[in-house]
Amino acid sequence: MRYLSILLLAPWLLVLCGIYWAYPRDLPRSARRRSFDVVVLLLAAVATTLAAVAGFDTAELPQVGEFGRFSGGIWQQVLPALYGYGAFVAVLLPALWLRQRCWGRRRNAEGEH
């Protein structure tokens, strides 16, 4: 059950990986850029997994209440998904900015000459 939230979130994260890989199309596709992209996606996957496990471990199950023993137990899966998604986005957004600064500027400078 520890990795259930990641399994449920995985299709959306794979879509975001595909968008990151393809966007923007006007940046040069050099070996350095592709290596950077692979490292970023691996780092995002590791950060997502670690954050989701931390979220699972910190989620507190509620006491048995008036709604039975399963009331509120969904948070043990929702919290890891939120943590994992947040970690994924926290890695990809700065990487998008850095990738644009490193590879976008050269192309613009070359096009102006």
PDB file of N, CA and C in Angstrom:
ATOM      1  N   MET A   1       0.809  -1.191   0.000  1.00  0.00           N
ATOM      2  CA  MET A   1       0.000   0.000   0.000  1.00  0.00           C
ATOM      3  C   MET A   1       0.858   1.263   0.000  1.00  0.00           C
ATOM      4  N   ARG A   2       2.100   1.122   0.349  1.00  0.00           N
ATOM      5  CA  ARG A   2       2.971   2.283   0.456  1.00  0.00           C
ATOM      6  C   ARG A   2       3.144   2.998  -0.884  1.00  0.00           C
ATOM      7  N   TYR A   3       3.185   2.272  -1.978  1.00  0.00           N
ATOM      8  CA  TYR A   3       3.439   2.875  -3.288  1.00  0.00           C
ATOM      9  C   TYR A   3       2.182   2.980  -4.153  1.00  0.00           C
ATOM     10  N   LEU A   4       1.031   2.746  -3.572  1.00  0.00           N
ATOM     11  CA  LEU A   4      -0.214   2.816  -4.331  1.00  0.00           C
ATOM     12  C   LEU A   4      -0.457   4.204  -4.912  1.00  0.00           C
ATOM     13  N   SER A   5      -0.179   5.229  -4.140  1.00  0.00           N
ATOM     14  CA  SER A   5      -0.416   6.592  -4.637  1.00  0.00           C
ATOM     15  C   SER A   5       0.475   6.908  -5.830  1.00  0.00           C
ATOM     16  N   ILE A   6       1.699   6.416  -5.828  1.00  0.00           N
ATOM     17  CA  ILE A   6       2.600   6.651  -6.968  1.00  0.00           C
ATOM     18  C   ILE A   6       2.108   5.886  -8.192  1.00  0.00           C
ATOM     19  N   LEU A   7       1.633   4.664  -7.986  1.00  0.00           N
ATOM     20  CA  LEU A   7       1.103   3.898  -9.115  1.00  0.00           C
ATOM     21  C   LEU A   7      -0.114   4.581  -9.736  1.00  0.00           C
ATOM     22  N   LEU A   8      -0.952   5.163  -8.901  1.00  0.00           N
ATOM     23  CA  LEU A   8      -2.128   5.856  -9.416  1.00  0.00           C
ATOM     24  C   LEU A   8      -1.757   7.184 -10.083  1.00  0.00           C
ATOM     25  N   LEU A   9      -0.700   7.795  -9.619  1.00  0.00           N
ATOM     26  CA  LEU A   9      -0.253   9.078 -10.166  1.00  0.00           C
ATOM     27  C   LEU A   9       0.663   8.897 -11.373  1.00  0.00           C
ATOM     28  N   ALA A  10       1.212   7.721 -11.562  1.00  0.00           N
ATOM     29  CA  ALA A  10       2.215   7.470 -12.602  1.00  0.00           C
ATOM     30  C   ALA A  10       1.765   7.833 -14.016  1.00  0.00           C
ATOM     31  N   PRO A  11       0.555   7.529 -14.450  1.00  0.00           N
ATOM     32  CA  PRO A  11       0.187   7.916 -15.822  1.00  0.00           C
ATOM     33  C   PRO A  11       0.269   9.421 -16.059  1.00  0.00           C
ATOM     34  N   TRP A  12      -0.188  10.205 -15.097  1.00  0.00           N
ATOM     35  CA  TRP A  12      -0.119  11.655 -15.253  1.00  0.00           C
ATOM     36  C   TRP A  12       1.335  12.138 -15.235  1.00  0.00           C
ATOM     37  N   LEU A  13       2.148  11.547 -14.393  1.00  0.00           N
ATOM     38  CA  LEU A  13       3.561  11.934 -14.348  1.00  0.00           C
ATOM     39  C   LEU A  13       4.265  11.563 -15.647  1.00  0.00           C
ATOM     40  N   LEU A  14       3.895  10.442 -16.255  1.00  0.00           N
ATOM     41  CA  LEU A  14       4.484  10.069 -17.545  1.00  0.00           C
ATOM     42  C   LEU A  14       4.064  11.031 -18.650  1.00  0.00           C
ATOM     43  N   VAL A  15       2.838  11.509 -18.595  1.00  0.00           N
ATOM     44  CA  VAL A  15       2.403  12.535 -19.557  1.00  0.00           C
ATOM     45  C   VAL A  15       3.230  13.807 -19.381  1.00  0.00           C
ATOM     46  N   LEU A  16       3.439  14.212 -18.136  1.00  0.00           N
ATOM     47  CA  LEU A  16       4.256  15.403 -17.885  1.00  0.00           C
ATOM     48  C   LEU A  16       5.704  15.196 -18.330  1.00  0.00           C
ATOM     49  N   CYS A  17       6.231  13.990 -18.161  1.00  0.00           N
ATOM     50  CA  CYS A  17       7.584  13.693 -18.652  1.00  0.00           C
ATOM     51  C   CYS A  17       7.653  13.839 -20.168  1.00  0.00           C
ATOM     52  N   GLY A  18       6.651  13.335 -20.859  1.00  0.00           N
ATOM     53  CA  GLY A  18       6.615  13.461 -22.321  1.00  0.00           C
ATOM     54  C   GLY A  18       6.529  14.904 -22.772  1.00  0.00           C
ATOM     55  N   ILE A  19       5.739  15.693 -22.084  1.00  0.00           N
ATOM     56  CA  ILE A  19       5.640  17.119 -22.422  1.00  0.00           C
ATOM     57  C   ILE A  19       6.968  17.808 -22.167  1.00  0.00           C
ATOM     58  N   TYR A  20       7.590  17.498 -21.034  1.00  0.00           N
ATOM     59  CA  TYR A  20       8.899  18.100 -20.731  1.00  0.00           C
ATOM     60  C   TYR A  20       9.920  17.724 -21.803  1.00  0.00           C
ATOM     61  N   TRP A  21       9.916  16.472 -22.228  1.00  0.00           N
ATOM     62  CA  TRP A  21      10.882  15.994 -23.215  1.00  0.00           C
ATOM     63  C   TRP A  21      10.701  16.701 -24.564  1.00  0.00           C
ATOM     64  N   ALA A  22       9.460  16.945 -24.945  1.00  0.00           N
ATOM     65  CA  ALA A  22       9.178  17.520 -26.264  1.00  0.00           C
ATOM     66  C   ALA A  22       9.138  19.052 -26.280  1.00  0.00           C
ATOM     67  N   TYR A  23       8.926  19.689 -25.145  1.00  0.00           N
ATOM     68  CA  TYR A  23       8.737  21.129 -25.098  1.00  0.00           C
ATOM     69  C   TYR A  23      10.041  21.835 -24.785  1.00  0.00           C
ATOM     70  N   PRO A  24      10.315  22.967 -25.319  1.00  0.00           N
ATOM     71  CA  PRO A  24       9.791  23.512 -26.568  1.00  0.00           C
ATOM     72  C   PRO A  24      10.548  22.919 -27.752  1.00  0.00           C
ATOM     73  N   ARG A  25       9.900  22.863 -28.853  1.00  0.00           N
ATOM     74  CA  ARG A  25      10.489  22.230 -30.038  1.00  0.00           C
ATOM     75  C   ARG A  25      11.584  23.063 -30.683  1.00  0.00           C
ATOM     76  N   ASP A  26      11.626  24.342 -30.396  1.00  0.00           N
ATOM     77  CA  ASP A  26      12.620  25.193 -31.052  1.00  0.00           C
ATOM     78  C   ASP A  26      13.988  25.174 -30.368  1.00  0.00           C
ATOM     79  N   LEU A  27      14.107  24.534 -29.205  1.00  0.00           N
ATOM     80  CA  LEU A  27      15.423  24.412 -28.572  1.00  0.00           C
ATOM     81  C   LEU A  27      16.253  23.368 -29.314  1.00  0.00           C
ATOM     82  N   PRO A  28      17.562  23.598 -29.423  1.00  0.00           N
ATOM     83  CA  PRO A  28      18.403  22.601 -30.101  1.00  0.00           C
ATOM     84  C   PRO A  28      18.425  21.284 -29.319  1.00  0.00           C
ATOM     85  N   ARG A  29      18.432  20.189 -30.060  1.00  0.00           N
ATOM     86  CA  ARG A  29      18.435  18.858 -29.429  1.00  0.00           C
ATOM     87  C   ARG A  29      19.832  18.263 -29.510  1.00  0.00           C
ATOM     88  N   SER A  30      20.683  18.738 -28.669  1.00  0.00           N
ATOM     89  CA  SER A  30      22.060  18.245 -28.648  1.00  0.00           C
ATOM     90  C   SER A  30      22.179  17.112 -27.627  1.00  0.00           C
ATOM     91  N   ALA A  31      23.309  16.457 -27.642  1.00  0.00           N
ATOM     92  CA  ALA A  31      23.552  15.371 -26.686  1.00  0.00           C
ATOM     93  C   ALA A  31      23.606  15.919 -25.259  1.00  0.00           C
ATOM     94  N   ARG A  32      24.153  17.120 -25.086  1.00  0.00           N
ATOM     95  CA  ARG A  32      24.213  17.719 -23.747  1.00  0.00           C
ATOM     96  C   ARG A  32      22.817  18.009 -23.209  1.00  0.00           C
ATOM     97  N   ARG A  33      21.961  18.527 -24.082  1.00  0.00           N
ATOM     98  CA  ARG A  33      20.603  18.827 -23.628  1.00  0.00           C
ATOM     99  C   ARG A  33      19.854  17.548 -23.292  1.00  0.00           C
ATOM    100  N   ARG A  34      19.964  16.526 -24.106  1.00  0.00           N
ATOM    101  CA  ARG A  34      19.283  15.270 -23.817  1.00  0.00           C
ATOM    102  C   ARG A  34      19.828  14.630 -22.549  1.00  0.00           C
ATOM    103  N   SER A  35      21.121  14.735 -22.303  1.00  0.00           N
ATOM    104  CA  SER A  35      21.685  14.221 -21.055  1.00  0.00           C
ATOM    105  C   SER A  35      21.127  14.987 -19.866  1.00  0.00           C
ATOM    106  N   PHE A  36      21.024  16.301 -20.000  1.00  0.00           N
ATOM    107  CA  PHE A  36      20.432  17.140 -18.956  1.00  0.00           C
ATOM    108  C   PHE A  36      18.990  16.707 -18.700  1.00  0.00           C
ATOM    109  N   ASP A  37      18.233  16.489 -19.776  1.00  0.00           N
ATOM    110  CA  ASP A  37      16.832  16.085 -19.634  1.00  0.00           C
ATOM    111  C   ASP A  37      16.694  14.741 -18.928  1.00  0.00           C
ATOM    112  N   VAL A  38      17.543  13.787 -19.275  1.00  0.00           N
ATOM    113  CA  VAL A  38      17.492  12.468 -18.635  1.00  0.00           C
ATOM    114  C   VAL A  38      17.804  12.585 -17.144  1.00  0.00           C
ATOM    115  N   VAL A  39      18.820  13.366 -16.804  1.00  0.00           N
ATOM    116  CA  VAL A  39      19.179  13.546 -15.399  1.00  0.00           C
ATOM    117  C   VAL A  39      18.036  14.214 -14.636  1.00  0.00           C
ATOM    118  N   VAL A  40      17.421  15.227 -15.232  1.00  0.00           N
ATOM    119  CA  VAL A  40      16.305  15.914 -14.577  1.00  0.00           C
ATOM    120  C   VAL A  40      15.131  14.958 -14.360  1.00  0.00           C
ATOM    121  N   LEU A  41      14.793  14.165 -15.364  1.00  0.00           N
ATOM    122  CA  LEU A  41      13.660  13.241 -15.213  1.00  0.00           C
ATOM    123  C   LEU A  41      13.949  12.156 -14.176  1.00  0.00           C
ATOM    124  N   LEU A  42      15.185  11.683 -14.131  1.00  0.00           N
ATOM    125  CA  LEU A  42      15.547  10.708 -13.095  1.00  0.00           C
ATOM    126  C   LEU A  42      15.493  11.342 -11.707  1.00  0.00           C
ATOM    127  N   LEU A  43      15.993  12.567 -11.595  1.00  0.00           N
ATOM    128  CA  LEU A  43      15.939  13.286 -10.325  1.00  0.00           C
ATOM    129  C   LEU A  43      14.494  13.523  -9.899  1.00  0.00           C
ATOM    130  N   ALA A  44      13.631  13.861 -10.853  1.00  0.00           N
ATOM    131  CA  ALA A  44      12.217  14.068 -10.542  1.00  0.00           C
ATOM    132  C   ALA A  44      11.577  12.762 -10.062  1.00  0.00           C
ATOM    133  N   ALA A  45      11.929  11.648 -10.683  1.00  0.00           N
ATOM    134  CA  ALA A  45      11.375  10.356 -10.263  1.00  0.00           C
ATOM    135  C   ALA A  45      11.823   9.989  -8.850  1.00  0.00           C
ATOM    136  N   VAL A  46      13.087  10.212  -8.557  1.00  0.00           N
ATOM    137  CA  VAL A  46      13.596   9.907  -7.214  1.00  0.00           C
ATOM    138  C   VAL A  46      12.945  10.823  -6.183  1.00  0.00           C
ATOM    139  N   ALA A  47      12.861  12.122  -6.495  1.00  0.00           N
ATOM    140  CA  ALA A  47      12.238  13.066  -5.559  1.00  0.00           C
ATOM    141  C   ALA A  47      10.775  12.727  -5.324  1.00  0.00           C
ATOM    142  N   THR A  48      10.081  12.329  -6.373  1.00  0.00           N
ATOM    143  CA  THR A  48       8.671  11.954  -6.250  1.00  0.00           C
ATOM    144  C   THR A  48       8.513  10.747  -5.336  1.00  0.00           C
ATOM    145  N   THR A  49       9.335   9.740  -5.547  1.00  0.00           N
ATOM    146  CA  THR A  49       9.244   8.532  -4.730  1.00  0.00           C
ATOM    147  C   THR A  49       9.562   8.815  -3.269  1.00  0.00           C
ATOM    148  N   LEU A  50      10.626   9.566  -3.028  1.00  0.00           N
ATOM    149  CA  LEU A  50      11.001   9.879  -1.643  1.00  0.00           C
ATOM    150  C   LEU A  50       9.927  10.713  -0.949  1.00  0.00           C
ATOM    151  N   ALA A  51       9.381  11.692  -1.668  1.00  0.00           N
ATOM    152  CA  ALA A  51       8.339  12.531  -1.072  1.00  0.00           C
ATOM    153  C   ALA A  51       7.068  11.727  -0.804  1.00  0.00           C
ATOM    154  N   ALA A  52       6.717  10.823  -1.705  1.00  0.00           N
ATOM    155  CA  ALA A  52       5.523  10.013  -1.504  1.00  0.00           C
ATOM    156  C   ALA A  52       5.685   9.073  -0.312  1.00  0.00           C
ATOM    157  N   VAL A  53       6.849   8.483  -0.180  1.00  0.00           N
ATOM    158  CA  VAL A  53       7.094   7.603   0.971  1.00  0.00           C
ATOM    159  C   VAL A  53       7.048   8.410   2.263  1.00  0.00           C
ATOM    160  N   ALA A  54       7.626   9.611   2.243  1.00  0.00           N
ATOM    161  CA  ALA A  54       7.570  10.471   3.429  1.00  0.00           C
ATOM    162  C   ALA A  54       6.126  10.857   3.746  1.00  0.00           C
ATOM    163  N   GLY A  55       5.344  11.138   2.715  1.00  0.00           N
ATOM    164  CA  GLY A  55       3.939  11.464   2.937  1.00  0.00           C
ATOM    165  C   GLY A  55       3.154  10.300   3.506  1.00  0.00           C
ATOM    166  N   PHE A  56       3.448   9.100   3.037  1.00  0.00           N
ATOM    167  CA  PHE A  56       2.770   7.911   3.561  1.00  0.00           C
ATOM    168  C   PHE A  56       3.120   7.701   5.026  1.00  0.00           C
ATOM    169  N   ASP A  57       4.394   7.896   5.349  1.00  0.00           N
ATOM    170  CA  ASP A  57       4.836   7.668   6.724  1.00  0.00           C
ATOM    171  C   ASP A  57       4.319   8.723   7.696  1.00  0.00           C
ATOM    172  N   THR A  58       4.083   9.946   7.211  1.00  0.00           N
ATOM    173  CA  THR A  58       3.632  11.003   8.111  1.00  0.00           C
ATOM    174  C   THR A  58       2.115  11.111   8.212  1.00  0.00           C
ATOM    175  N   ALA A  59       1.397  10.458   7.316  1.00  0.00           N
ATOM    176  CA  ALA A  59      -0.066  10.527   7.364  1.00  0.00           C
ATOM    177  C   ALA A  59      -0.561   9.786   8.600  1.00  0.00           C
ATOM    178  N   GLU A  60      -1.338  10.478   9.411  1.00  0.00           N
ATOM    179  CA  GLU A  60      -1.865   9.875  10.625  1.00  0.00           C
ATOM    180  C   GLU A  60      -3.259   9.322  10.360  1.00  0.00           C
ATOM    181  N   LEU A  61      -3.429   8.093  10.724  1.00  0.00           N
ATOM    182  CA  LEU A  61      -4.749   7.498  10.601  1.00  0.00           C
ATOM    183  C   LEU A  61      -5.620   7.988  11.746  1.00  0.00           C
ATOM    184  N   PRO A  62      -6.851   8.351  11.434  1.00  0.00           N
ATOM    185  CA  PRO A  62      -7.732   8.846  12.504  1.00  0.00           C
ATOM    186  C   PRO A  62      -8.177   7.718  13.433  1.00  0.00           C
ATOM    187  N   GLN A  63      -8.602   8.113  14.595  1.00  0.00           N
ATOM    188  CA  GLN A  63      -9.141   7.152  15.553  1.00  0.00           C
ATOM    189  C   GLN A  63     -10.474   6.638  15.041  1.00  0.00           C
ATOM    190  N   VAL A  64     -10.831   5.465  15.503  1.00  0.00           N
ATOM    191  CA  VAL A  64     -12.122   4.909  15.121  1.00  0.00           C
ATOM    192  C   VAL A  64     -13.199   5.842  15.655  1.00  0.00           C
ATOM    193  N   GLY A  65     -14.021   6.322  14.743  1.00  0.00           N
ATOM    194  CA  GLY A  65     -15.042   7.296  15.130  1.00  0.00           C
ATOM    195  C   GLY A  65     -16.426   6.812  14.789  1.00  0.00           C
ATOM    196  N   GLU A  66     -17.305   7.759  14.662  1.00  0.00           N
ATOM    197  CA  GLU A  66     -18.695   7.422  14.411  1.00  0.00           C
ATOM    198  C   GLU A  66     -18.931   6.833  13.035  1.00  0.00           C
ATOM    199  N   PHE A  67     -17.970   7.016  12.109  1.00  0.00           N
ATOM    200  CA  PHE A  67     -18.140   6.498  10.752  1.00  0.00           C
ATOM    201  C   PHE A  67     -17.446   5.163  10.535  1.00  0.00           C
ATOM    202  N   GLY A  68     -16.949   4.558  11.562  1.00  0.00           N
ATOM    203  CA  GLY A  68     -16.322   3.247  11.435  1.00  0.00           C
ATOM    204  C   GLY A  68     -14.810   3.336  11.422  1.00  0.00           C
ATOM    205  N   ARG A  69     -14.185   2.187  11.315  1.00  0.00           N
ATOM    206  CA  ARG A  69     -12.723   2.154  11.406  1.00  0.00           C
ATOM    207  C   ARG A  69     -12.023   2.633  10.152  1.00  0.00           C
ATOM    208  N   PHE A  70     -12.719   2.784   9.046  1.00  0.00           N
ATOM    209  CA  PHE A  70     -12.082   3.216   7.800  1.00  0.00           C
ATOM    210  C   PHE A  70     -12.302   4.690   7.506  1.00  0.00           C
ATOM    211  N   SER A  71     -12.942   5.411   8.390  1.00  0.00           N
ATOM    212  CA  SER A  71     -13.204   6.821   8.117  1.00  0.00           C
ATOM    213  C   SER A  71     -11.907   7.625   8.146  1.00  0.00           C
ATOM    214  N   GLY A  72     -11.657   8.357   7.083  1.00  0.00           N
ATOM    215  CA  GLY A  72     -10.477   9.208   7.011  1.00  0.00           C
ATOM    216  C   GLY A  72      -9.216   8.510   6.571  1.00  0.00           C
ATOM    217  N   GLY A  73      -9.265   7.200   6.358  1.00  0.00           N
ATOM    218  CA  GLY A  73      -8.073   6.461   5.965  1.00  0.00           C
ATOM    219  C   GLY A  73      -7.576   6.797   4.571  1.00  0.00           C
ATOM    220  N   ILE A  74      -8.400   7.461   3.783  1.00  0.00           N
ATOM    221  CA  ILE A  74      -8.005   7.817   2.421  1.00  0.00           C
ATOM    222  C   ILE A  74      -6.814   8.786   2.418  1.00  0.00           C
ATOM    223  N   TRP A  75      -6.648   9.540   3.506  1.00  0.00           N
ATOM    224  CA  TRP A  75      -5.554  10.500   3.556  1.00  0.00           C
ATOM    225  C   TRP A  75      -4.189   9.827   3.535  1.00  0.00           C
ATOM    226  N   GLN A  76      -4.135   8.564   3.879  1.00  0.00           N
ATOM    227  CA  GLN A  76      -2.865   7.849   3.814  1.00  0.00           C
ATOM    228  C   GLN A  76      -2.460   7.590   2.364  1.00  0.00           C
ATOM    229  N   GLN A  77      -3.363   7.770   1.417  1.00  0.00           N
ATOM    230  CA  GLN A  77      -3.025   7.680  -0.004  1.00  0.00           C
ATOM    231  C   GLN A  77      -3.039   9.050  -0.676  1.00  0.00           C
ATOM    232  N   VAL A  78      -3.873   9.941  -0.207  1.00  0.00           N
ATOM    233  CA  VAL A  78      -3.950  11.281  -0.813  1.00  0.00           C
ATOM    234  C   VAL A  78      -2.701  12.089  -0.481  1.00  0.00           C
ATOM    235  N   LEU A  79      -2.280  12.073   0.755  1.00  0.00           N
ATOM    236  CA  LEU A  79      -1.114  12.859   1.166  1.00  0.00           C
ATOM    237  C   LEU A  79       0.153  12.460   0.409  1.00  0.00           C
ATOM    238  N   PRO A  80       0.463  11.177   0.239  1.00  0.00           N
ATOM    239  CA  PRO A  80       1.647  10.833  -0.558  1.00  0.00           C
ATOM    240  C   PRO A  80       1.535  11.281  -2.010  1.00  0.00           C
ATOM    241  N   ALA A  81       0.341  11.216  -2.580  1.00  0.00           N
ATOM    242  CA  ALA A  81       0.167  11.676  -3.959  1.00  0.00           C
ATOM    243  C   ALA A  81       0.425  13.174  -4.061  1.00  0.00           C
ATOM    244  N   LEU A  82      -0.061  13.935  -3.107  1.00  0.00           N
ATOM    245  CA  LEU A  82       0.180  15.378  -3.105  1.00  0.00           C
ATOM    246  C   LEU A  82       1.661  15.696  -2.921  1.00  0.00           C
ATOM    247  N   TYR A  83       2.297  15.020  -1.992  1.00  0.00           N
ATOM    248  CA  TYR A  83       3.733  15.232  -1.768  1.00  0.00           C
ATOM    249  C   TYR A  83       4.535  14.842  -3.014  1.00  0.00           C
ATOM    250  N   GLY A  84       4.203  13.702  -3.590  1.00  0.00           N
ATOM    251  CA  GLY A  84       4.929  13.238  -4.772  1.00  0.00           C
ATOM    252  C   GLY A  84       4.763  14.173  -5.952  1.00  0.00           C
ATOM    253  N   TYR A  85       3.540  14.608  -6.198  1.00  0.00           N
ATOM    254  CA  TYR A  85       3.290  15.533  -7.306  1.00  0.00           C
ATOM    255  C   TYR A  85       3.998  16.858  -7.070  1.00  0.00           C
ATOM    256  N   GLY A  86       3.973  17.336  -5.840  1.00  0.00           N
ATOM    257  CA  GLY A  86       4.673  18.583  -5.510  1.00  0.00           C
ATOM    258  C   GLY A  86       6.175  18.473  -5.731  1.00  0.00           C
ATOM    259  N   ALA A  87       6.755  17.350  -5.345  1.00  0.00           N
ATOM    260  CA  ALA A  87       8.193  17.148  -5.549  1.00  0.00           C
ATOM    261  C   ALA A  87       8.525  17.065  -7.035  1.00  0.00           C
ATOM    262  N   PHE A  88       7.669  16.414  -7.801  1.00  0.00           N
ATOM    263  CA  PHE A  88       7.879  16.289  -9.239  1.00  0.00           C
ATOM    264  C   PHE A  88       7.885  17.658  -9.906  1.00  0.00           C
ATOM    265  N   VAL A  89       6.900  18.460  -9.586  1.00  0.00           N
ATOM    266  CA  VAL A  89       6.803  19.799 -10.161  1.00  0.00           C
ATOM    267  C   VAL A  89       7.937  20.691  -9.653  1.00  0.00           C
ATOM    268  N   ALA A  90       8.337  20.508  -8.403  1.00  0.00           N
ATOM    269  CA  ALA A  90       9.429  21.314  -7.839  1.00  0.00           C
ATOM    270  C   ALA A  90      10.758  21.026  -8.532  1.00  0.00           C
ATOM    271  N   VAL A  91      10.914  19.868  -9.119  1.00  0.00           N
ATOM    272  CA  VAL A  91      12.129  19.561  -9.882  1.00  0.00           C
ATOM    273  C   VAL A  91      11.991  20.042 -11.327  1.00  0.00           C
ATOM    274  N   LEU A  92      10.835  19.830 -11.937  1.00  0.00           N
ATOM    275  CA  LEU A  92      10.673  20.160 -13.360  1.00  0.00           C
ATOM    276  C   LEU A  92      10.620  21.653 -13.652  1.00  0.00           C
ATOM    277  N   LEU A  93       9.970  22.433 -12.818  1.00  0.00           N
ATOM    278  CA  LEU A  93       9.856  23.863 -13.120  1.00  0.00           C
ATOM    279  C   LEU A  93      11.210  24.581 -13.148  1.00  0.00           C
ATOM    280  N   PRO A  94      12.065  24.408 -12.146  1.00  0.00           N
ATOM    281  CA  PRO A  94      13.388  25.042 -12.258  1.00  0.00           C
ATOM    282  C   PRO A  94      14.199  24.481 -13.427  1.00  0.00           C
ATOM    283  N   ALA A  95      14.007  23.204 -13.735  1.00  0.00           N
ATOM    284  CA  ALA A  95      14.739  22.613 -14.864  1.00  0.00           C
ATOM    285  C   ALA A  95      14.287  23.229 -16.186  1.00  0.00           C
ATOM    286  N   LEU A  96      12.996  23.506 -16.331  1.00  0.00           N
ATOM    287  CA  LEU A  96      12.511  24.186 -17.536  1.00  0.00           C
ATOM    288  C   LEU A  96      13.155  25.559 -17.679  1.00  0.00           C
ATOM    289  N   TRP A  97      13.201  26.290 -16.591  1.00  0.00           N
ATOM    290  CA  TRP A  97      13.806  27.621 -16.606  1.00  0.00           C
ATOM    291  C   TRP A  97      15.293  27.539 -16.938  1.00  0.00           C
ATOM    292  N   LEU A  98      16.004  26.612 -16.296  1.00  0.00           N
ATOM    293  CA  LEU A  98      17.442  26.464 -16.531  1.00  0.00           C
ATOM    294  C   LEU A  98      17.724  26.004 -17.953  1.00  0.00           C
ATOM    295  N   ARG A  99      16.932  25.101 -18.457  1.00  0.00           N
ATOM    296  CA  ARG A  99      17.114  24.616 -19.827  1.00  0.00           C
ATOM    297  C   ARG A  99      16.900  25.740 -20.832  1.00  0.00           C
ATOM    298  N   GLN A 100      15.914  26.585 -20.591  1.00  0.00           N
ATOM    299  CA  GLN A 100      15.674  27.708 -21.488  1.00  0.00           C
ATOM    300  C   GLN A 100      16.838  28.699 -21.438  1.00  0.00           C
ATOM    301  N   ARG A 101      17.370  28.943 -20.259  1.00  0.00           N
ATOM    302  CA  ARG A 101      18.513  29.876 -20.136  1.00  0.00           C
ATOM    303  C   ARG A 101      19.762  29.326 -20.805  1.00  0.00           C
ATOM    304  N   CYS A 102      19.997  28.038 -20.678  1.00  0.00           N
ATOM    305  CA  CYS A 102      21.225  27.457 -21.235  1.00  0.00           C
ATOM    306  C   CYS A 102      21.153  27.265 -22.743  1.00  0.00           C
ATOM    307  N   TRP A 103      20.049  26.735 -23.242  1.00  0.00           N
ATOM    308  CA  TRP A 103      19.986  26.388 -24.661  1.00  0.00           C
ATOM    309  C   TRP A 103      19.145  27.359 -25.481  1.00  0.00           C
ATOM    310  N   GLY A 104      18.268  28.106 -24.851  1.00  0.00           N
ATOM    311  CA  GLY A 104      17.433  29.042 -25.598  1.00  0.00           C
ATOM    312  C   GLY A 104      18.166  30.303 -25.991  1.00  0.00           C
ATOM    313  N   ARG A 105      19.035  30.784 -25.143  1.00  0.00           N
ATOM    314  CA  ARG A 105      19.750  32.029 -25.388  1.00  0.00           C
ATOM    315  C   ARG A 105      20.730  31.892 -26.547  1.00  0.00           C
ATOM    316  N   ARG A 106      21.428  30.771 -26.625  1.00  0.00           N
ATOM    317  CA  ARG A 106      22.397  30.570 -27.711  1.00  0.00           C
ATOM    318  C   ARG A 106      21.718  30.599 -29.078  1.00  0.00           C
ATOM    319  N   ARG A 107      20.600  29.966 -29.143  1.00  0.00           N
ATOM    320  CA  ARG A 107      19.894  29.919 -30.425  1.00  0.00           C
ATOM    321  C   ARG A 107      19.425  31.309 -30.816  1.00  0.00           C
ATOM    322  N   ASN A 108      18.910  32.093 -29.869  1.00  0.00           N
ATOM    323  CA  ASN A 108      18.492  33.452 -30.161  1.00  0.00           C
ATOM    324  C   ASN A 108      19.670  34.320 -30.559  1.00  0.00           C
ATOM    325  N   ALA A 109      20.793  34.146 -29.884  1.00  0.00           N
ATOM    326  CA  ALA A 109      21.987  34.920 -30.224  1.00  0.00           C
ATOM    327  C   ALA A 109      22.506  34.542 -31.600  1.00  0.00           C
ATOM    328  N   GLU A 110      22.446  33.264 -31.955  1.00  0.00           N
ATOM    329  CA  GLU A 110      22.903  32.840 -33.285  1.00  0.00           C
ATOM    330  C   GLU A 110      21.965  33.340 -34.373  1.00  0.00           C
ATOM    331  N   GLY A 111      20.678  33.403 -34.076  1.00  0.00           N
ATOM    332  CA  GLY A 111      19.714  33.853 -35.070  1.00  0.00           C
ATOM    333  C   GLY A 111      19.803  35.345 -35.344  1.00  0.00           C
ATOM    334  N   GLU A 112      20.328  36.120 -34.401  1.00  0.00           N
ATOM    335  CA  GLU A 112      20.422  37.565 -34.576  1.00  0.00           C
ATOM    336  C   GLU A 112      21.591  37.955 -35.468  1.00  0.00           C
ATOM    337  N   HIS A 113      22.625  37.106 -35.541  1.00  0.00           N
ATOM    338  CA  HIS A 113      23.809  37.474 -36.321  1.00  0.00           C
ATOM    339  C   HIS A 113      23.583  37.334 -37.760  1.00  0.00           C
TER     340      HIS A 113
END
